[in-house]
Amino acid sequence: MKKALTALFLSLLTFTSCSDDVTSKYSNRAIVRGFFNIYEYPILSNVMTQPGQYASVRMITPNIVIKTSSETFERNVDAISKTFEFGLGGLIIGTSNMTDEYGKWMHYCYDLACPICDPSIRRLNIKDHFATCPKCGTSFDLNNEGAIYEIDTENPPATKRGLYQYRIDYDDNSPVVNVHN
């Protein structure tokens, strides 16, 4: 009986741990899967090694397009890249200008879609460490886990939530940036 209750508890925990609710830091609203070698995508080398730098990453067939506020890099999609998933509207990848408790720079991955407007067609503009929606005017602080930084006080949005955040793995000793749910 005890084993059956333990199995039931673990299975319930498994089903509830993947939800996209306010208690989860990471979103599961859309599939995110991709890895980038910073030697193949040199624009990401700056973004991952320079605090306060962010870039948008989108699949615009036949290319993967990576943009910062000052430069754009395009690369033809290869067989491996075709399997990547870029969330609702693309990705924002970068490095915070804050460190964790061990003194390491914190890396973030967010969805490029505005979480307040229709996410399938509203993409954010990135400037410095802020992402702003051209439609609703809401801006998000990329250095602060995608929290709302500023809203239009005359026309405040009905929904007030931060950016959809995804997991990102990057080690300064490895050239690979891995993003995933």
Foldseek 3Di string as FASTA:
>chain_A
DVVVVVVVVVVVCVVPVQAADPVDLAGPPWWFWDKDQCVVVVVVVCFAPPAQWKWWWDCDPQWIWIDGPVDIDIDGQDPRNVPGTATQATKMWGWHNDADPVRHIDIWIFHQADPQPDRNPWGWDDDRQWTATPPFGWIFGNNPSQATDDGDPVDGGPDHDGTRTWDWDDDPVGRMIITTD
